[in-house]
Every structure is written in structure tokens, then in C-alpha cells.
């Protein structure tokens, strides 16, 4: 019981917030929209980098959550494990590519040294023929001989420098991807720290619909990125096997490049074929050594182009369309639209953008005509299973 003589605790002072008038709120809302547009213009120079980082965050959030659900690891430790594995893989790719480059240069130097020694030995043994060669060279115009020597030196430099240039481009791709993955790492940890942030801003009456919208957006973007990532991995593995069977130089390096470049709609197969065409032309086949390098390069480029185009347009796109709930003709039309704008990023993202617009269209149309936008669906229970829904469904304590 409470002592009647004990003074009652002082009640906490009530904070009264002065509400803005409708006119003030309208003006502030318009200014807020203009501020957002100004911010978008301000960050436009790095918009592609941020978009790529966000895409990697969406994609890598899937295995991170899967590991966290299936093991005793927390979300943070699962994320650290996934990202550390990716960093190790990228470092190994750079090391393997460097090893291939060093081995190639050592082989070229060794072959040149052997050929020079053999030529000196032949000239010493056959002094008469050497004299004839000197007479022939003496009869050639000095300017012509200089051009021949210059062409020979350029050819030799091209043979030596081509793999180095290709490795440099490969290293640039790996470093750029690593930078985007690092940014996505920061985004993933920041998003996890902000989970549940939308709870205090979404009214209770809209809580179910907002949760379902975010969950569907997670499914659209997560399914699309996971499907494209799986396609790149499978195509890259198939390309490594194909290049190894055909004797393409450095099959692992060019297989990985093929898997990544083939994600570019329409022209990805052609570009990957062009990338692998150059080393095949310069170095020939390591397996079919009797085959002419030009013929070998054309065969490899044609096989690669056909494999990439068929697998992307008739396997990947239909499967991706089912994952994002779009018919194949809409998916194909969207990719063609992206290509028409001459934007690789838009062509790559147009499929989930179309699916997102379809979701928002059906939602707002249902609200306009007074119908239930998600008939028969309850609010998702339990912890969030996607990148966006964690801002509403999760709490700081992880529930």
C-alpha cells in the first residue's frame, strides 16, 4: 500500500507541439520535394557508383540473411564472413591473373633466347650460307630494311604487351567491383543499424500495406539480382570449361570476364567474344596447336557469342521474368528500351524497374477505386527477410 502522507510523484510535463497550418505544410512539402531534386542533381556525378553499391547490397543481403537464419552467427558476423570471402576471391583472381602473365612473359623470353641461340649456332656452322644472307641484306634498300625491322619490333612488342594490357583491364574491373562491394558493405551495416526506423513514421492503419509493399519490393529486386548473379556464375563456369577444352589461353581469367560482361544486355555476348578473340589471335590454341590462330580465334568468338546470346535471351530472360512476375515479351521489350537509350545501367535495371512500376500501379489503382490492394495477404510476421523490409519489420533488438 502507498503511504497516504507520502507526496505523489510529479507527473512528467506534457510537451505540446504546435501544428503547422495546411498552407504551411503544403509550402514545406513543396520545398522538401525541390530539396530532394537538388540533392539528386548534386550527387548525380556519383549516382552510378551509389546505384552499383546499392545493387550489391541487395544481392549480398540474400546470402547474409540465409547464413544468419541457418547458423548461430548473428547478421553482422554473417555479413563479415560473406564480404571477407568475396575480398579473398577477388585477391585470388588478381594473383592468378598475375601468375599467368608472369609465366607467359617468362615463356616468351625463354623461346626468344632459345631461337636466338639456335640462329647463332646455325650461322656459325654454315658460314657460307651466312655470307649469302649478308649479301642479300646488303642488297636490300636501307630504308626498306629499317621498316622491316621496325615492323618486327612492333610485332614482338605487341605479342609481349597484349597480355599485360588485358591483365590491366581485368585488374581494373576487379578493383572497381571490389570498390562497389566495399561501399555495399558499408550500406549493409548502416541499414542493419537503422532497422525498424520506419516504425514511428508509418501510421498503424497503413502498417500492413507498407510492410507488404516493402516485402514485395525486396522480392522483386532480390529475385532479379540473385537470378542474374546465378546466371553470371553458371555462364562463367561453363565458359571456363569451354575455354579449357578449346585450349584458350588463361581460361579462368577469360571465363570470369565472360560471365561478368555477358550481363550487359544484347551486346554482352559480342563484347565477351571480342575480349577473348584477341588472346586467341595472338597466342593460338594451347590444345589444337596445328590450328591457324586466326581461324581458332574466329571459331572461339563465334561459339562464345552464340552461347552467350542464346543463354541470355532464351534462358535467362524467361526465368528472370518469372522471378519478377513479368511476361517474357515485357521483359524483352524492356531490355530493348534500355538499349535504345544507350545506357548499360538502365538496360540492366529496366526489368526490376518495370516490375516495381507494375506493383505500384496496381497498388495505387486499387486505392483509387476503393479496393483491397493485397487481398488475402496478412502482414508478414517475424523478422524481415529482405533489405528494405527490415526498416519496418525489424527492431533494434533483432526481433
Protein backbone atom coordinates (compact mmCIF):
# COMPACT_ATOMS: atom_id res chain seq x y z
CA UNK A 1 0.00 0.00 0.00
CA UNK A 2 1.07 3.56 -0.58
CA UNK A 3 1.60 5.87 2.38
CA UNK A 4 -1.19 8.50 2.23
CA UNK A 5 1.16 11.06 3.71
CA UNK A 6 3.79 10.43 1.03
CA UNK A 7 3.63 13.10 -1.68
CA UNK A 8 2.61 11.88 -5.11
CA UNK A 9 5.40 11.81 -7.69
CA UNK A 10 5.38 14.76 -10.00
CA UNK A 11 3.91 13.92 -13.39
CA UNK A 12 6.10 14.41 -16.42
CA UNK A 13 5.41 17.67 -18.22
CA UNK A 14 3.37 17.28 -21.35
CA UNK A 15 5.14 18.50 -24.46
CA UNK A 16 2.73 20.29 -26.74
CA UNK A 17 3.81 20.54 -30.37
CA UNK A 18 2.45 23.44 -32.35
CA UNK A 19 0.98 22.02 -35.53
CA UNK A 20 1.51 23.84 -38.79
CA UNK A 21 -1.40 25.08 -40.81
CA UNK A 22 -2.39 23.35 -44.03
CA UNK A 23 -0.85 26.16 -46.07
CA UNK A 24 2.47 25.95 -44.19
CA UNK A 25 2.61 22.18 -44.55
CA UNK A 26 1.92 22.44 -48.27
CA UNK A 27 4.68 25.01 -48.79
CA UNK A 28 7.17 22.99 -46.74
CA UNK A 29 6.25 19.82 -48.62
CA UNK A 30 6.87 21.53 -51.98
CA UNK A 31 10.20 22.91 -50.73
CA UNK A 32 11.11 19.46 -49.47
CA UNK A 33 10.47 17.98 -52.91
CA UNK A 34 12.64 20.64 -54.54
CA UNK A 35 15.36 19.96 -51.96
CA UNK A 36 15.28 16.27 -52.86
CA UNK A 37 15.57 17.12 -56.55
CA UNK A 38 18.50 19.40 -55.80
CA UNK A 39 20.17 16.66 -53.78
CA UNK A 40 19.67 14.21 -56.66
CA UNK A 41 21.31 16.67 -59.06
CA UNK A 42 24.14 17.30 -56.59
CA UNK A 43 25.02 13.60 -56.24
CA UNK A 44 24.46 12.78 -59.92
CA UNK A 45 28.23 12.51 -60.64
CA UNK A 46 28.43 9.53 -58.26
CA UNK A 47 24.93 8.22 -58.90
CA UNK A 48 26.22 5.20 -60.85
CA UNK A 49 28.64 4.25 -58.08
CA UNK A 50 25.93 4.53 -55.45
CA UNK A 51 23.49 2.56 -57.62
CA UNK A 52 26.03 -0.22 -58.11
CA UNK A 53 26.75 -0.30 -54.36
CA UNK A 54 23.03 -0.47 -53.59
CA UNK A 55 22.58 -3.33 -56.07
CA UNK A 56 25.41 -5.27 -54.44
CA UNK A 57 23.86 -4.57 -51.03
CA UNK A 58 20.53 -6.01 -52.23
CA UNK A 59 22.26 -9.02 -53.76
CA UNK A 60 24.58 -9.85 -50.87
CA UNK A 61 21.87 -9.31 -48.26
CA UNK A 62 20.32 -12.57 -49.50
CA UNK A 63 23.19 -14.95 -48.58
CA UNK A 64 23.90 -12.97 -45.40
CA UNK A 65 20.34 -13.47 -44.11
CA UNK A 66 20.36 -17.11 -45.20
CA UNK A 67 23.54 -17.79 -43.20
CA UNK A 68 22.18 -15.88 -40.20
CA UNK A 69 18.99 -17.97 -40.25
CA UNK A 70 20.73 -21.32 -40.73
CA UNK A 71 23.61 -20.87 -38.30
CA UNK A 72 24.23 -19.37 -34.88
CA UNK A 73 26.05 -16.43 -36.41
CA UNK A 74 24.49 -13.00 -35.99
CA UNK A 75 23.66 -10.87 -39.00
CA UNK A 76 26.81 -8.78 -38.55
CA UNK A 77 29.12 -11.79 -38.34
CA UNK A 78 27.37 -13.41 -41.32
CA UNK A 79 27.91 -10.22 -43.33
CA UNK A 80 31.56 -10.11 -42.33
CA UNK A 81 32.01 -13.74 -43.41
CA UNK A 82 30.37 -13.18 -46.81
CA UNK A 83 32.29 -10.00 -47.56
CA UNK A 84 35.62 -11.43 -46.41
CA UNK A 85 35.06 -14.39 -48.73
CA UNK A 86 34.44 -12.02 -51.64
CA UNK A 87 37.56 -10.00 -50.85
CA UNK A 88 39.62 -13.20 -50.76
CA UNK A 89 38.18 -14.38 -54.09
CA UNK A 90 38.98 -11.06 -55.77
CA UNK A 91 42.52 -11.10 -54.37
CA UNK A 92 42.98 -14.67 -55.64
CA UNK A 93 41.75 -13.67 -59.10
CA UNK A 94 44.33 -10.89 -59.25
CA UNK A 95 47.08 -13.23 -58.04
CA UNK A 96 46.12 -15.96 -60.54
CA UNK A 97 45.99 -13.44 -63.38
CA UNK A 98 49.41 -12.07 -62.40
CA UNK A 99 50.85 -15.59 -62.28
CA UNK A 100 49.53 -16.29 -65.79
CA UNK A 101 51.08 -13.04 -67.02
CA UNK A 102 54.49 -13.75 -65.46
CA UNK A 103 54.52 -17.33 -66.79
CA UNK A 104 53.64 -16.08 -70.26
CA UNK A 105 56.37 -13.43 -70.29
CA UNK A 106 58.93 -15.91 -68.99
CA UNK A 107 57.91 -18.36 -71.71
CA UNK A 108 58.22 -15.72 -74.44
CA UNK A 109 61.66 -14.63 -73.18
CA UNK A 110 62.80 -18.24 -72.96
CA UNK A 111 61.60 -19.02 -76.52
CA UNK A 112 63.26 -15.88 -77.90
CA UNK A 113 66.53 -16.76 -76.16
CA UNK A 114 66.38 -20.31 -77.49
CA UNK A 115 65.62 -19.10 -81.02
CA UNK A 116 68.47 -16.57 -80.91
CA UNK A 117 70.92 -19.22 -79.67
CA UNK A 118 69.81 -21.63 -82.38
CA UNK A 119 70.19 -18.93 -85.06
CA UNK A 120 73.73 -18.08 -83.90
CA UNK A 121 74.69 -21.75 -83.89
CA UNK A 122 73.36 -22.26 -87.41
CA UNK A 123 75.20 -19.20 -88.71
CA UNK A 124 78.44 -20.35 -87.09
CA UNK A 125 78.15 -23.86 -88.53
CA UNK A 126 77.23 -22.69 -92.02
CA UNK A 127 79.46 -19.72 -92.64
CA UNK A 128 78.87 -19.93 -96.39
CA UNK A 129 75.12 -19.56 -96.06
CA UNK A 130 75.66 -16.77 -93.54
CA UNK A 131 77.70 -14.90 -96.14
CA UNK A 132 74.86 -15.31 -98.65
CA UNK A 133 72.42 -13.91 -96.11
CA UNK A 134 74.70 -10.91 -95.58
CA UNK A 135 74.83 -10.33 -99.36
CA UNK A 136 71.04 -10.49 -99.56
CA UNK A 137 70.67 -8.00 -96.70
CA UNK A 138 73.28 -5.73 -98.26
CA UNK A 139 71.25 -5.66 -101.45
CA UNK A 140 68.09 -4.50 -99.68
CA UNK A 141 67.42 -0.79 -99.52
CA UNK A 142 68.38 0.66 -96.13
CA UNK A 143 65.01 2.34 -95.67
CA UNK A 144 63.13 -0.85 -96.50
CA UNK A 145 65.28 -2.84 -94.09
CA UNK A 146 64.61 -0.28 -91.37
CA UNK A 147 60.86 -0.60 -91.98
CA UNK A 148 61.07 -4.39 -91.81
CA UNK A 149 62.98 -4.23 -88.54
CA UNK A 150 60.53 -1.67 -87.13
CA UNK A 151 57.57 -3.89 -88.08
CA UNK A 152 59.26 -6.90 -86.49
CA UNK A 153 59.90 -4.95 -83.27
CA UNK A 154 56.30 -3.72 -83.14
CA UNK A 155 55.03 -7.25 -83.68
CA UNK A 156 57.25 -8.53 -80.90
CA UNK A 157 56.19 -5.73 -78.55
CA UNK A 158 52.54 -6.45 -79.39
CA UNK A 159 52.95 -10.12 -78.55
CA UNK A 160 54.62 -9.24 -75.27
CA UNK A 161 52.38 -6.31 -74.23
CA UNK A 162 48.94 -7.67 -75.25
CA UNK A 163 48.60 -10.00 -72.23
CA UNK A 164 49.83 -7.22 -69.94
CA UNK A 165 47.20 -4.84 -71.33
CA UNK A 166 44.47 -7.46 -70.93
CA UNK A 167 45.57 -8.15 -67.37
CA UNK A 168 45.49 -4.42 -66.67
CA UNK A 169 41.89 -4.18 -67.89
CA UNK A 170 40.98 -7.29 -65.90
CA UNK A 171 42.57 -5.79 -62.79
CA UNK A 172 40.65 -2.54 -63.30
CA UNK A 173 37.36 -4.48 -63.48
CA UNK A 174 38.19 -6.42 -60.32
CA UNK A 175 39.24 -3.27 -58.44
CA UNK A 176 36.04 -1.43 -59.48
CA UNK A 177 33.88 -4.35 -58.44
CA UNK A 178 35.80 -4.52 -55.17
CA UNK A 179 35.15 -0.82 -54.56
CA UNK A 180 31.42 -1.28 -55.17
CA UNK A 181 31.37 -4.29 -52.85
CA UNK A 182 33.14 -2.25 -50.17
CA UNK A 183 30.52 0.51 -50.48
CA UNK A 184 27.76 -2.10 -50.29
CA UNK A 185 29.44 -3.46 -47.16
CA UNK A 186 29.07 -0.05 -45.55
CA UNK A 187 25.45 0.19 -46.73
CA UNK A 188 24.58 -3.25 -45.34
CA UNK A 189 25.94 -2.42 -41.89
CA UNK A 190 24.31 1.03 -41.92
CA UNK A 191 20.95 -0.43 -42.95
CA UNK A 192 21.19 -3.06 -40.23
CA UNK A 193 21.84 -0.33 -37.68
CA UNK A 194 18.76 1.58 -38.92
CA UNK A 195 16.37 -1.41 -38.89
CA UNK A 196 12.91 -0.52 -37.63
CA UNK A 197 13.46 3.17 -38.37
CA UNK A 198 10.15 3.47 -40.25
CA UNK A 199 8.03 2.16 -37.38
CA UNK A 200 7.49 5.60 -35.85
CA UNK A 201 6.68 7.21 -39.21
CA UNK A 202 4.15 4.75 -40.66
CA UNK A 203 0.60 5.10 -39.24
CA UNK A 204 -0.89 1.96 -37.74
CA UNK A 205 -3.66 1.94 -40.35
CA UNK A 206 -1.04 1.69 -43.14
CA UNK A 207 1.36 -0.62 -41.31
CA UNK A 208 0.19 -3.82 -43.06
CA UNK A 209 0.16 -2.32 -46.56
CA UNK A 210 3.55 -0.67 -46.11
CA UNK A 211 5.04 -3.93 -44.84
CA UNK A 212 3.63 -5.85 -47.81
CA UNK A 213 4.88 -3.22 -50.28
CA UNK A 214 8.42 -3.34 -48.90
CA UNK A 215 8.34 -7.14 -48.82
CA UNK A 216 7.27 -7.31 -52.48
CA UNK A 217 9.95 -4.80 -53.46
CA UNK A 218 12.51 -6.98 -51.68
CA UNK A 219 11.29 -9.99 -53.64
CA UNK A 220 11.38 -8.17 -56.98
CA UNK A 221 14.87 -6.73 -56.65
CA UNK A 222 16.29 -9.63 -54.66
CA UNK A 223 15.00 -12.25 -57.09
CA UNK A 224 16.23 -10.29 -60.09
CA UNK A 225 19.73 -9.70 -58.75
CA UNK A 226 20.03 -13.24 -57.43
CA UNK A 227 18.88 -14.64 -60.78
CA UNK A 228 21.32 -12.51 -62.76
CA UNK A 229 24.13 -13.34 -60.34
CA UNK A 230 23.42 -17.04 -60.69
CA UNK A 231 23.35 -16.67 -64.47
CA UNK A 232 26.77 -14.96 -64.42
CA UNK A 233 28.23 -17.70 -62.22
CA UNK A 234 26.84 -20.55 -64.34
CA UNK A 235 27.85 -18.91 -67.61
CA UNK A 236 31.30 -18.09 -66.23
CA UNK A 237 31.82 -21.70 -65.11
CA UNK A 238 30.60 -23.00 -68.48
CA UNK A 239 32.92 -20.57 -70.27
CA UNK A 240 35.91 -21.71 -68.21
CA UNK A 241 35.16 -25.31 -69.18
CA UNK A 242 34.64 -24.33 -72.83
CA UNK A 243 37.89 -22.34 -72.98
CA UNK A 244 39.82 -25.15 -71.29
CA UNK A 245 38.51 -27.73 -73.77
CA UNK A 246 39.32 -25.49 -76.74
CA UNK A 247 42.73 -24.50 -75.43
CA UNK A 248 42.04 -20.79 -74.97
CA UNK A 249 44.90 -19.08 -73.09
CA UNK A 250 44.11 -18.23 -69.45
CA UNK A 251 40.67 -19.94 -69.37
CA UNK A 252 39.90 -18.92 -65.77
CA UNK A 253 40.54 -15.21 -66.31
CA UNK A 254 38.57 -15.01 -69.56
CA UNK A 255 35.80 -17.25 -68.20
CA UNK A 256 35.24 -14.84 -65.30
CA UNK A 257 35.29 -11.88 -67.70
CA UNK A 258 32.76 -13.62 -69.96
CA UNK A 259 30.38 -14.21 -67.05
CA UNK A 260 30.56 -10.55 -66.00
CA UNK A 261 30.45 -8.95 -69.45
CA UNK A 262 27.55 -11.15 -70.60
CA UNK A 263 25.31 -9.43 -68.06
CA UNK A 264 25.25 -6.45 -70.43
CA UNK A 265 22.03 -6.85 -72.46
CA UNK A 266 22.31 -7.63 -76.18
CA UNK A 267 25.95 -6.62 -76.69
CA UNK A 268 27.42 -8.55 -73.76
CA UNK A 269 27.96 -11.72 -75.77
CA UNK A 270 29.60 -9.84 -78.62
CA UNK A 271 31.88 -7.89 -76.27
CA UNK A 272 32.97 -11.00 -74.38
CA UNK A 273 33.68 -12.70 -77.71
CA UNK A 274 35.80 -9.73 -78.76
CA UNK A 275 37.72 -9.82 -75.47
CA UNK A 276 38.61 -13.49 -75.87
CA UNK A 277 39.29 -13.08 -79.62
CA UNK A 278 42.48 -11.04 -79.08
CA UNK A 279 44.49 -13.54 -76.99
CA UNK A 280 43.35 -16.39 -79.23
CA UNK A 281 44.62 -14.49 -82.27
CA UNK A 282 47.97 -13.63 -80.69
CA UNK A 283 48.69 -16.87 -78.84
CA UNK A 284 46.67 -19.52 -80.65
CA UNK A 285 45.34 -22.67 -79.01
CA UNK A 286 47.23 -24.50 -76.30
CA UNK A 287 45.41 -27.70 -77.22
CA UNK A 288 44.97 -27.58 -81.02
CA UNK A 289 48.42 -26.23 -81.83
CA UNK A 290 48.19 -27.13 -85.51
CA UNK A 291 45.19 -24.81 -85.99
CA UNK A 292 45.81 -21.39 -87.53
CA UNK A 293 45.48 -18.66 -84.81
CA UNK A 294 43.10 -16.52 -86.89
CA UNK A 295 40.83 -19.49 -87.62
CA UNK A 296 40.97 -20.53 -83.97
CA UNK A 297 40.11 -17.03 -82.76
CA UNK A 298 37.11 -16.79 -85.12
CA UNK A 299 35.82 -20.21 -84.03
CA UNK A 300 36.10 -19.35 -80.34
CA UNK A 301 34.45 -15.94 -80.80
CA UNK A 302 31.54 -17.46 -82.76
CA UNK A 303 30.97 -20.25 -80.23
CA UNK A 304 31.15 -17.78 -77.35
CA UNK A 305 28.77 -15.30 -79.00
CA UNK A 306 26.19 -17.96 -79.81
CA UNK A 307 26.41 -19.47 -76.32
CA UNK A 308 26.03 -16.10 -74.59
CA UNK A 309 23.22 -14.79 -76.80
CA UNK A 310 21.15 -17.98 -76.66
CA UNK A 311 21.61 -18.44 -72.90
CA UNK A 312 20.77 -14.79 -72.13
CA UNK A 313 17.79 -14.24 -74.45
CA UNK A 314 16.15 -17.68 -74.32
CA UNK A 315 17.11 -18.97 -70.87
CA UNK A 316 17.98 -16.11 -68.54
CA UNK A 317 15.28 -13.62 -69.59
CA UNK A 318 12.33 -16.06 -69.37
CA UNK A 319 13.49 -17.29 -65.96
CA UNK A 320 14.07 -13.75 -64.71
CA UNK A 321 10.62 -12.77 -66.00
CA UNK A 322 9.01 -15.47 -63.86
CA UNK A 323 11.02 -14.38 -60.83
CA UNK A 324 9.80 -10.76 -61.10
CA UNK A 325 6.27 -11.67 -62.27
CA UNK A 326 6.54 -10.24 -65.77
CA UNK A 327 5.75 -11.96 -69.10
CA UNK A 328 8.65 -12.66 -71.44
CA UNK A 329 7.56 -10.13 -74.08
CA UNK A 330 7.52 -7.34 -71.46
CA UNK A 331 10.97 -8.35 -70.24
CA UNK A 332 12.37 -8.43 -73.79
CA UNK A 333 10.71 -5.11 -74.66
CA UNK A 334 12.16 -3.53 -71.54
CA UNK A 335 15.67 -4.67 -72.39
CA UNK A 336 15.25 -3.31 -75.94
CA UNK A 337 14.06 0.01 -74.48
CA UNK A 338 17.11 0.20 -72.23
CA UNK A 339 19.39 -0.50 -75.18
CA UNK A 340 17.62 2.23 -77.20
CA UNK A 341 18.62 4.78 -74.55
CA UNK A 342 22.29 3.77 -74.96
CA UNK A 343 22.57 3.24 -71.22
CA UNK A 344 24.08 -0.01 -69.96
CA UNK A 345 22.92 0.61 -66.39
CA UNK A 346 19.34 1.38 -67.44
CA UNK A 347 19.26 -1.63 -69.76
CA UNK A 348 20.43 -3.82 -66.88
CA UNK A 349 17.93 -2.39 -64.37
CA UNK A 350 14.92 -1.91 -66.64
CA UNK A 351 13.42 -5.33 -65.77
CA UNK A 352 13.09 -4.75 -61.99
CA UNK A 353 12.10 -1.13 -62.67
CA UNK A 354 9.20 -2.34 -64.84
CA UNK A 355 8.18 -4.84 -62.18
CA UNK A 356 8.34 -2.15 -59.50
CA UNK A 357 6.18 0.19 -61.59
CA UNK A 358 3.69 -2.63 -62.13
CA UNK A 359 3.48 -3.22 -58.36
CA UNK A 360 3.00 0.49 -57.60
CA UNK A 361 0.44 0.84 -60.42
CA UNK A 362 -1.73 -1.99 -59.11
CA UNK A 363 -1.43 -0.68 -55.54
CA UNK A 364 -2.41 2.93 -56.31
CA UNK A 365 -5.15 1.83 -58.73
CA UNK A 366 -6.67 -0.34 -56.01
CA UNK A 367 -6.56 2.56 -53.54
CA UNK A 368 -8.13 4.93 -56.08
CA UNK A 369 -11.09 2.65 -56.85
CA UNK A 370 -11.52 1.67 -53.19
CA UNK A 371 -10.41 -1.96 -53.42
CA UNK A 372 -8.07 -4.02 -51.27
CA UNK A 373 -4.57 -3.83 -52.85
CA UNK A 374 -3.38 -7.09 -51.24
CA UNK A 375 -6.45 -9.33 -50.93
CA UNK A 376 -5.98 -12.33 -48.65
CA UNK A 377 -2.48 -11.36 -47.52
CA UNK A 378 -1.62 -10.69 -43.89
CA UNK A 379 1.21 -8.56 -42.62
CA UNK A 380 4.47 -10.54 -42.75
CA UNK A 381 5.33 -11.92 -39.34
CA UNK A 382 8.72 -12.46 -37.77
CA UNK A 383 11.98 -10.80 -38.72
CA UNK A 384 12.37 -9.23 -42.13
CA UNK A 385 13.67 -11.39 -44.96
CA UNK A 386 14.84 -8.56 -47.22
CA UNK A 387 16.88 -5.40 -47.38
CA UNK A 388 14.02 -2.86 -47.47
CA UNK A 389 11.52 -4.58 -45.19
CA UNK A 390 14.00 -4.54 -42.30
CA UNK A 391 13.36 -0.80 -41.92
CA UNK A 392 9.77 -1.55 -40.89
CA UNK A 393 9.55 -5.15 -39.66
CA UNK A 394 12.70 -5.42 -37.55
CA UNK A 395 13.54 -3.82 -34.22
CA UNK A 396 16.88 -2.82 -32.79
CA UNK A 397 16.98 -5.99 -30.72
CA UNK A 398 16.74 -8.04 -33.93
CA UNK A 399 13.10 -9.15 -33.48
